[in-house]
N, C-alpha and C. Protein backbone atom coordinates (compact mmCIF):
# COMPACT_ATOMS: atom_id res chain seq x y z
N UNK A 1 -15.03 10.28 18.75
CA UNK A 1 -14.46 11.61 18.71
C UNK A 1 -14.56 12.13 17.29
N UNK A 2 -15.07 13.33 17.12
CA UNK A 2 -15.13 13.96 15.81
C UNK A 2 -13.78 14.56 15.48
N UNK A 3 -13.35 14.36 14.24
CA UNK A 3 -12.09 14.92 13.79
C UNK A 3 -12.32 15.65 12.48
N UNK A 4 -11.49 16.64 12.25
CA UNK A 4 -11.50 17.36 10.99
C UNK A 4 -10.15 17.13 10.32
N UNK A 5 -10.20 16.81 9.04
CA UNK A 5 -8.99 16.48 8.30
C UNK A 5 -8.88 17.40 7.11
N UNK A 6 -7.68 17.95 6.90
CA UNK A 6 -7.46 18.72 5.69
C UNK A 6 -6.01 18.53 5.24
N UNK A 7 -5.78 18.80 3.97
CA UNK A 7 -4.46 18.65 3.37
C UNK A 7 -3.97 20.02 2.95
N UNK A 8 -2.72 20.33 3.29
CA UNK A 8 -2.10 21.58 2.87
C UNK A 8 -0.62 21.30 2.67
N UNK A 9 -0.09 21.70 1.54
CA UNK A 9 1.33 21.53 1.23
C UNK A 9 1.77 20.08 1.41
N UNK A 10 0.97 19.16 0.89
CA UNK A 10 1.25 17.72 0.92
C UNK A 10 1.40 17.17 2.34
N UNK A 11 0.72 17.79 3.30
CA UNK A 11 0.68 17.28 4.67
C UNK A 11 -0.77 17.13 5.08
N UNK A 12 -1.03 16.08 5.82
CA UNK A 12 -2.37 15.82 6.34
C UNK A 12 -2.44 16.38 7.75
N UNK A 13 -3.41 17.26 7.99
CA UNK A 13 -3.62 17.84 9.31
C UNK A 13 -4.87 17.24 9.91
N UNK A 14 -4.79 16.78 11.14
CA UNK A 14 -5.94 16.20 11.84
C UNK A 14 -6.19 17.06 13.07
N UNK A 15 -7.41 17.59 13.16
CA UNK A 15 -7.80 18.43 14.29
C UNK A 15 -8.95 17.78 15.03
N UNK A 16 -9.00 17.97 16.35
CA UNK A 16 -10.13 17.44 17.11
C UNK A 16 -11.32 18.37 16.94
N UNK A 17 -12.45 18.04 17.54
CA UNK A 17 -13.68 18.82 17.35
C UNK A 17 -13.54 20.24 17.89
N UNK A 18 -12.60 20.47 18.79
CA UNK A 18 -12.36 21.81 19.31
C UNK A 18 -11.40 22.63 18.47
N UNK A 19 -10.90 22.04 17.39
CA UNK A 19 -9.97 22.73 16.51
C UNK A 19 -8.51 22.60 16.88
N UNK A 20 -8.21 21.79 17.92
CA UNK A 20 -6.83 21.61 18.34
C UNK A 20 -6.13 20.61 17.40
N UNK A 21 -4.93 20.97 16.98
CA UNK A 21 -4.16 20.10 16.09
C UNK A 21 -3.75 18.84 16.82
N UNK A 22 -4.15 17.69 16.28
CA UNK A 22 -3.80 16.40 16.89
C UNK A 22 -2.61 15.77 16.18
N UNK A 23 -2.50 16.00 14.86
CA UNK A 23 -1.41 15.40 14.11
C UNK A 23 -1.19 16.16 12.82
N UNK A 24 0.06 16.14 12.38
CA UNK A 24 0.42 16.70 11.09
C UNK A 24 1.35 15.68 10.45
N UNK A 25 0.84 14.95 9.50
CA UNK A 25 1.61 13.88 8.88
C UNK A 25 1.89 14.20 7.41
N UNK A 26 3.15 14.12 6.99
CA UNK A 26 3.43 14.30 5.57
C UNK A 26 2.93 13.09 4.79
N UNK A 27 2.31 13.34 3.65
CA UNK A 27 1.72 12.26 2.87
C UNK A 27 2.75 11.47 2.06
N UNK A 28 3.83 12.11 1.64
CA UNK A 28 4.82 11.43 0.80
C UNK A 28 5.39 10.18 1.47
N UNK A 29 5.82 10.25 2.74
CA UNK A 29 6.33 9.03 3.38
C UNK A 29 5.27 7.94 3.50
N UNK A 30 4.01 8.34 3.68
CA UNK A 30 2.94 7.34 3.75
C UNK A 30 2.80 6.62 2.42
N UNK A 31 2.93 7.37 1.34
CA UNK A 31 2.92 6.74 0.01
C UNK A 31 4.07 5.77 -0.15
N UNK A 32 5.24 6.15 0.35
CA UNK A 32 6.41 5.26 0.28
C UNK A 32 6.19 3.98 1.08
N UNK A 33 5.57 4.12 2.25
CA UNK A 33 5.28 2.94 3.07
C UNK A 33 4.37 1.99 2.30
N UNK A 34 3.35 2.52 1.67
CA UNK A 34 2.43 1.68 0.90
C UNK A 34 3.15 1.03 -0.28
N UNK A 35 3.99 1.81 -0.97
CA UNK A 35 4.73 1.25 -2.11
C UNK A 35 5.72 0.17 -1.64
N UNK A 36 6.34 0.38 -0.48
CA UNK A 36 7.25 -0.64 0.05
C UNK A 36 6.51 -1.93 0.37
N UNK A 37 5.20 -1.81 0.59
CA UNK A 37 4.37 -2.99 0.81
C UNK A 37 3.99 -3.70 -0.48
N UNK A 38 4.36 -3.12 -1.62
CA UNK A 38 4.13 -3.79 -2.89
C UNK A 38 3.23 -3.07 -3.87
N UNK A 39 2.61 -1.97 -3.47
CA UNK A 39 1.73 -1.24 -4.39
C UNK A 39 2.55 -0.53 -5.46
N UNK A 40 2.06 -0.59 -6.67
CA UNK A 40 2.76 0.08 -7.78
C UNK A 40 2.41 1.56 -7.82
N UNK A 41 1.13 1.86 -7.59
CA UNK A 41 0.65 3.24 -7.58
C UNK A 41 -0.19 3.45 -6.32
N UNK A 42 -0.20 4.69 -5.82
CA UNK A 42 -0.90 4.98 -4.57
C UNK A 42 -1.74 6.25 -4.74
N UNK A 43 -3.02 6.16 -4.44
CA UNK A 43 -3.88 7.34 -4.52
C UNK A 43 -3.75 8.18 -3.27
N UNK A 44 -4.15 9.44 -3.37
CA UNK A 44 -4.16 10.34 -2.23
C UNK A 44 -5.08 9.80 -1.13
N UNK A 45 -6.22 9.23 -1.54
CA UNK A 45 -7.16 8.66 -0.58
C UNK A 45 -6.54 7.52 0.21
N UNK A 46 -5.70 6.72 -0.44
CA UNK A 46 -5.05 5.61 0.25
C UNK A 46 -4.08 6.13 1.31
N UNK A 47 -3.36 7.19 0.98
CA UNK A 47 -2.43 7.79 1.94
C UNK A 47 -3.19 8.34 3.15
N UNK A 48 -4.31 8.99 2.88
CA UNK A 48 -5.13 9.54 3.96
C UNK A 48 -5.70 8.43 4.83
N UNK A 49 -6.17 7.35 4.19
CA UNK A 49 -6.73 6.23 4.94
C UNK A 49 -5.67 5.62 5.86
N UNK A 50 -4.44 5.46 5.34
CA UNK A 50 -3.36 4.91 6.16
C UNK A 50 -3.04 5.84 7.32
N UNK A 51 -3.05 7.13 7.05
CA UNK A 51 -2.79 8.10 8.10
C UNK A 51 -3.81 8.00 9.22
N UNK A 52 -5.08 7.87 8.86
CA UNK A 52 -6.14 7.75 9.87
C UNK A 52 -5.97 6.49 10.70
N UNK A 53 -5.57 5.40 10.03
CA UNK A 53 -5.33 4.15 10.77
C UNK A 53 -4.14 4.29 11.71
N UNK A 54 -3.08 4.97 11.25
CA UNK A 54 -1.93 5.22 12.11
C UNK A 54 -2.36 5.97 13.36
N UNK A 55 -3.23 6.97 13.18
CA UNK A 55 -3.71 7.74 14.31
C UNK A 55 -4.42 6.84 15.33
N UNK A 56 -5.31 5.99 14.84
CA UNK A 56 -6.06 5.09 15.72
C UNK A 56 -5.15 4.11 16.43
N UNK A 57 -4.28 3.47 15.67
CA UNK A 57 -3.37 2.48 16.25
C UNK A 57 -2.43 3.14 17.25
N UNK A 58 -1.92 4.32 16.90
CA UNK A 58 -1.01 5.04 17.80
C UNK A 58 -1.69 5.40 19.11
N UNK A 59 -2.93 5.83 19.03
CA UNK A 59 -3.66 6.18 20.25
C UNK A 59 -3.86 4.95 21.13
N UNK A 60 -4.21 3.82 20.52
CA UNK A 60 -4.40 2.59 21.28
C UNK A 60 -3.11 2.14 21.96
N UNK A 61 -2.02 2.16 21.21
CA UNK A 61 -0.72 1.76 21.76
C UNK A 61 -0.32 2.69 22.90
N UNK A 62 -0.52 3.98 22.70
CA UNK A 62 -0.15 4.95 23.72
C UNK A 62 -0.92 4.74 25.01
N UNK A 63 -2.21 4.46 24.91
CA UNK A 63 -3.02 4.24 26.12
C UNK A 63 -2.50 3.05 26.92
N UNK A 64 -2.18 1.96 26.24
CA UNK A 64 -1.67 0.77 26.94
C UNK A 64 -0.27 1.07 27.50
N UNK A 65 0.55 1.77 26.73
CA UNK A 65 1.91 2.11 27.19
C UNK A 65 1.86 3.01 28.42
N UNK A 66 0.94 3.95 28.44
CA UNK A 66 0.80 4.82 29.60
C UNK A 66 0.38 4.05 30.83
N UNK A 67 -0.51 3.08 30.66
CA UNK A 67 -0.92 2.24 31.79
C UNK A 67 0.29 1.49 32.34
N UNK A 68 1.15 1.01 31.45
CA UNK A 68 2.35 0.29 31.87
C UNK A 68 3.28 1.21 32.66
N UNK A 69 3.52 2.41 32.14
CA UNK A 69 4.40 3.36 32.83
C UNK A 69 3.82 3.73 34.19
N UNK A 70 2.53 4.00 34.24
CA UNK A 70 1.89 4.38 35.51
C UNK A 70 1.93 3.24 36.52
N UNK A 71 1.79 2.00 36.04
CA UNK A 71 1.84 0.86 36.96
C UNK A 71 3.22 0.70 37.58
N UNK A 72 4.23 1.24 36.89
CA UNK A 72 5.60 1.20 37.41
C UNK A 72 5.97 2.49 38.13
N UNK A 73 4.97 3.36 38.33
CA UNK A 73 5.19 4.60 39.07
C UNK A 73 5.93 5.67 38.29
N UNK A 74 5.87 5.60 36.96
CA UNK A 74 6.56 6.59 36.13
C UNK A 74 5.57 7.47 35.40
N UNK A 75 5.98 8.72 35.16
CA UNK A 75 5.21 9.63 34.32
C UNK A 75 5.78 9.67 32.91
N UNK A 76 7.03 9.26 32.79
CA UNK A 76 7.72 9.30 31.50
C UNK A 76 7.45 8.02 30.71
N UNK A 77 7.03 8.18 29.49
CA UNK A 77 6.80 7.06 28.60
C UNK A 77 8.12 6.70 27.92
N UNK A 78 8.50 5.42 27.99
CA UNK A 78 9.75 4.95 27.40
C UNK A 78 9.46 4.12 26.16
N UNK A 79 10.50 3.94 25.36
CA UNK A 79 10.39 3.12 24.16
C UNK A 79 9.91 1.71 24.51
N UNK A 80 10.40 1.18 25.61
CA UNK A 80 10.01 -0.18 26.00
C UNK A 80 8.51 -0.26 26.31
N UNK A 81 7.92 0.84 26.82
CA UNK A 81 6.48 0.86 27.08
C UNK A 81 5.71 0.72 25.77
N UNK A 82 6.18 1.44 24.76
CA UNK A 82 5.55 1.39 23.44
C UNK A 82 5.67 -0.02 22.86
N UNK A 83 6.87 -0.60 22.96
CA UNK A 83 7.11 -1.94 22.41
C UNK A 83 6.26 -3.00 23.11
N UNK A 84 6.19 -2.92 24.43
CA UNK A 84 5.38 -3.87 25.19
C UNK A 84 3.90 -3.72 24.83
N UNK A 85 3.46 -2.48 24.72
CA UNK A 85 2.06 -2.23 24.37
C UNK A 85 1.73 -2.78 22.98
N UNK A 86 2.64 -2.58 22.05
CA UNK A 86 2.43 -3.08 20.68
C UNK A 86 2.31 -4.61 20.69
N UNK A 87 3.22 -5.26 21.40
CA UNK A 87 3.18 -6.73 21.47
C UNK A 87 1.92 -7.22 22.16
N UNK A 88 1.47 -6.49 23.15
CA UNK A 88 0.25 -6.86 23.87
C UNK A 88 -0.96 -6.75 22.94
N UNK A 89 -1.04 -5.69 22.18
CA UNK A 89 -2.20 -5.43 21.33
C UNK A 89 -2.19 -6.23 20.03
N UNK A 90 -0.99 -6.51 19.52
CA UNK A 90 -0.91 -7.16 18.20
C UNK A 90 -0.08 -8.42 18.24
């Protein structure tokens, strides 16, 4: 899938190839997450890279979680679906 990424007002915007907004992530918390992991300094590129990985991982988890909800006859995704999917994948 082709995506377009741009930064405005310290937020990362991710759009699909049709121009639809897929995500809007603030970069400051991503920097904090990296620093909490032990980094002393964090580049803008590192924040963007982490954001892109979050997008990929989130999509994978969501797909598995949706399969779980559908197998139980539900349309509503619950926290437990996300948790089960995460444990299954990782």
